[in-house]
Amino acid sequence: MHTPELLAPAGTAEHLETAFAYGADAEGKSFDINLMNQLEALSNRGYTEGFLRRHVSQEYQNYEQGSSLNGTQQVVGTITDVDDRWLTIDVKNKFAPGDSLELITSAGNLRFSAETMEDHNGETMGYAPGSGHIARIPKPDSLPDSLDFSYLTRILPSST
């Protein structure tokens, strides 16, 4: 569905930024800096100028923070296929039926909850355990026409 050679490693914030920028440019739009706020909501180790510019020296990389900053979302997978009923997810992090989800696309985002989940054989799954697994969830209403470069995130429970 996407052109991997144009993107940073899948599941990274750089990949999302590139996908947004590519999608905006492909549609003749300028990059919306407000999308950076959405990126900040994802768990990350902090963004530096190295995130915004490619091929910079190590001084622009963040090695001081070795773990994710508190985000409100976590990438749980990439969309690998869609049919009349299902979205197929290449799982990156654990998620489960009933979780609050957000589909992030270059055409806009869609929040929803999937009440069921199955594996690639059609067997019901109680949760998708993480990387190396494929899960299918019911296709939500109001999907954009194209899901190229799309990510699925889980809205993390508030820590209050």
Protein backbone atom coordinates (compact mmCIF):
# COMPACT_ATOMS: atom_id res chain seq x y z
CA MET A 1 0.00 0.00 0.00
CA HIS A 2 2.89 2.40 0.51
CA THR A 3 6.34 3.04 -0.90
CA PRO A 4 8.75 1.99 1.88
CA GLU A 5 11.83 3.45 0.21
CA LEU A 6 10.40 6.96 0.71
CA LEU A 7 9.91 6.54 4.43
CA ALA A 8 11.81 6.18 7.68
CA PRO A 9 11.45 2.85 9.52
CA ALA A 10 7.80 1.88 10.02
CA GLY A 11 6.39 2.63 13.44
CA THR A 12 8.61 5.65 14.05
CA ALA A 13 7.50 9.22 14.48
CA GLU A 14 9.78 10.17 11.57
CA HIS A 15 7.80 7.76 9.41
CA LEU A 16 4.56 9.50 10.43
CA GLU A 17 5.98 12.96 9.71
CA THR A 18 7.21 11.81 6.31
CA ALA A 19 3.86 10.19 5.56
CA PHE A 20 1.97 13.38 6.47
CA ALA A 21 4.33 15.52 4.41
CA TYR A 22 4.23 13.14 1.44
CA GLY A 23 0.43 12.90 1.59
CA ALA A 24 0.04 16.66 1.82
CA ASP A 25 2.44 17.25 -1.06
CA ALA A 26 0.81 14.54 -3.21
CA GLU A 27 -2.52 16.30 -2.75
CA GLY A 28 -1.03 19.71 -3.60
CA LYS A 29 -1.36 20.98 -0.02
CA SER A 30 1.33 22.52 2.13
CA PHE A 31 2.43 20.69 5.27
CA ASP A 32 0.21 21.66 8.22
CA ILE A 33 2.45 22.43 11.21
CA ASN A 34 -0.51 21.69 13.51
CA LEU A 35 0.03 18.03 12.62
CA MET A 36 3.16 18.24 14.74
CA ASN A 37 0.88 18.55 17.81
CA GLN A 38 -0.65 15.23 16.84
CA LEU A 39 2.83 13.72 16.59
CA GLU A 40 3.64 15.05 20.06
CA ALA A 41 0.67 13.05 21.38
CA LEU A 42 2.45 9.85 20.37
CA SER A 43 4.88 8.27 22.81
CA ASN A 44 8.34 9.47 21.82
CA ARG A 45 11.79 10.29 23.20
CA GLY A 46 11.49 13.94 22.28
CA TYR A 47 11.89 15.55 18.90
CA THR A 48 15.01 17.42 17.88
CA GLU A 49 15.98 19.27 14.73
CA GLY A 50 17.29 15.93 13.54
CA PHE A 51 13.67 14.81 13.35
CA LEU A 52 12.78 17.66 11.00
CA ARG A 53 15.85 17.50 8.77
CA ARG A 54 17.35 14.41 7.23
CA HIS A 55 21.00 13.34 7.43
CA VAL A 56 22.16 15.58 10.24
CA SER A 57 25.09 14.97 12.58
CA GLN A 58 24.71 13.18 15.91
CA GLU A 59 24.57 16.49 17.77
CA TYR A 60 21.00 16.86 16.50
CA GLN A 61 19.94 13.47 17.83
CA ASN A 62 18.46 12.96 21.30
CA TYR A 63 20.39 10.35 23.25
CA GLU A 64 19.72 11.91 26.67
CA GLN A 65 16.17 10.55 26.98
CA GLY A 66 16.28 6.76 26.74
CA SER A 67 12.58 6.16 27.17
CA SER A 68 9.37 7.58 25.80
CA LEU A 69 8.02 10.85 27.09
CA ASN A 70 4.45 10.74 28.31
CA GLY A 71 2.28 10.68 25.24
CA THR A 72 -1.44 10.28 25.00
CA GLN A 73 -1.28 7.78 22.11
CA GLN A 74 0.77 4.78 21.09
CA VAL A 75 1.19 3.44 17.55
CA VAL A 76 -0.29 -0.06 17.52
CA GLY A 77 0.09 -0.89 13.83
CA THR A 78 0.11 -0.08 10.17
CA ILE A 79 -2.74 -0.76 7.78
CA THR A 80 -1.70 -3.43 5.28
CA ASP A 81 -5.03 -4.21 3.64
CA VAL A 82 -8.67 -3.18 3.61
CA ASP A 83 -11.71 -4.97 2.19
CA ASP A 84 -15.46 -4.50 2.45
CA ARG A 85 -15.54 -5.57 6.10
CA TRP A 86 -12.05 -5.56 7.64
CA LEU A 87 -8.89 -3.54 8.19
CA THR A 88 -5.80 -5.73 8.33
CA ILE A 89 -3.19 -4.48 10.79
CA ASP A 90 0.52 -5.27 10.96
CA VAL A 91 0.72 -5.04 14.75
CA LYS A 92 3.53 -3.02 16.36
CA ASN A 93 2.29 -2.75 19.98
CA LYS A 94 -0.37 -4.53 22.04
CA PHE A 95 -4.01 -3.50 21.67
CA ALA A 96 -7.35 -5.16 22.34
CA PRO A 97 -11.03 -5.02 21.42
CA GLY A 98 -12.70 -2.12 23.21
CA ASP A 99 -9.59 0.09 23.18
CA SER A 100 -10.11 3.66 21.99
CA LEU A 101 -8.34 3.83 18.62
CA GLU A 102 -7.45 6.54 16.14
CA LEU A 103 -6.71 5.92 12.49
CA ILE A 104 -4.15 8.50 11.36
CA THR A 105 -4.20 9.25 7.63
CA SER A 106 -2.96 12.04 5.40
CA ALA A 107 -6.64 12.83 4.66
CA GLY A 108 -7.56 13.24 8.33
CA ASN A 109 -7.96 11.18 11.46
CA LEU A 110 -10.81 8.99 12.63
CA ARG A 111 -11.45 7.93 16.24
CA PHE A 112 -13.36 4.72 16.89
CA SER A 113 -13.43 1.55 18.97
CA ALA A 114 -13.26 -1.95 17.51
CA GLU A 115 -15.35 -4.34 19.55
CA THR A 116 -13.99 -7.49 17.88
CA MET A 117 -10.65 -8.66 16.53
CA GLU A 118 -9.54 -11.72 14.60
CA ASP A 119 -6.32 -13.20 13.30
CA HIS A 120 -5.51 -13.84 9.63
CA ASN A 121 -7.30 -17.22 9.87
CA GLY A 122 -10.55 -15.66 11.09
CA GLU A 123 -10.10 -16.88 14.69
CA THR A 124 -11.26 -14.48 17.44
CA MET A 125 -8.43 -12.74 19.30
CA GLY A 126 -8.69 -11.39 22.85
CA TYR A 127 -5.85 -8.98 22.04
CA ALA A 128 -3.07 -8.43 19.52
CA PRO A 129 0.12 -9.10 21.49
CA GLY A 130 2.54 -6.93 19.54
CA SER A 131 5.10 -6.98 16.77
CA GLY A 132 5.10 -10.01 14.51
CA HIS A 133 1.33 -10.47 14.58
CA ILE A 134 -1.41 -9.68 12.09
CA ALA A 135 -4.86 -8.67 13.33
CA ARG A 136 -8.08 -7.76 11.56
CA ILE A 137 -10.64 -5.36 12.98
CA PRO A 138 -14.02 -4.34 11.55
CA LYS A 139 -13.76 -1.50 9.07
CA PRO A 140 -15.11 1.68 10.68
CA ASP A 141 -17.59 3.94 8.91
CA SER A 142 -16.40 7.12 7.17
CA LEU A 143 -12.97 5.89 6.07
CA PRO A 144 -11.01 8.15 3.72
CA ASP A 145 -10.65 6.95 0.13
CA SER A 146 -6.96 6.18 0.54
CA LEU A 147 -5.30 4.51 3.50
CA ASP A 148 -1.79 4.81 2.08
CA PHE A 149 0.68 5.69 4.86
CA SER A 150 -1.99 5.12 7.52
CA TYR A 151 -1.31 4.21 11.14
CA LEU A 152 -3.51 2.92 13.88
CA THR A 153 -2.93 4.35 17.36
CA ARG A 154 -4.36 3.47 20.74
CA ILE A 155 -5.54 6.33 22.93
CA LEU A 156 -3.78 5.72 26.23
CA PRO A 157 -5.83 5.86 29.42
CA SER A 158 -5.26 9.07 31.36
CA SER A 159 -3.03 8.70 34.41
CA THR A 160 -5.32 10.67 36.72
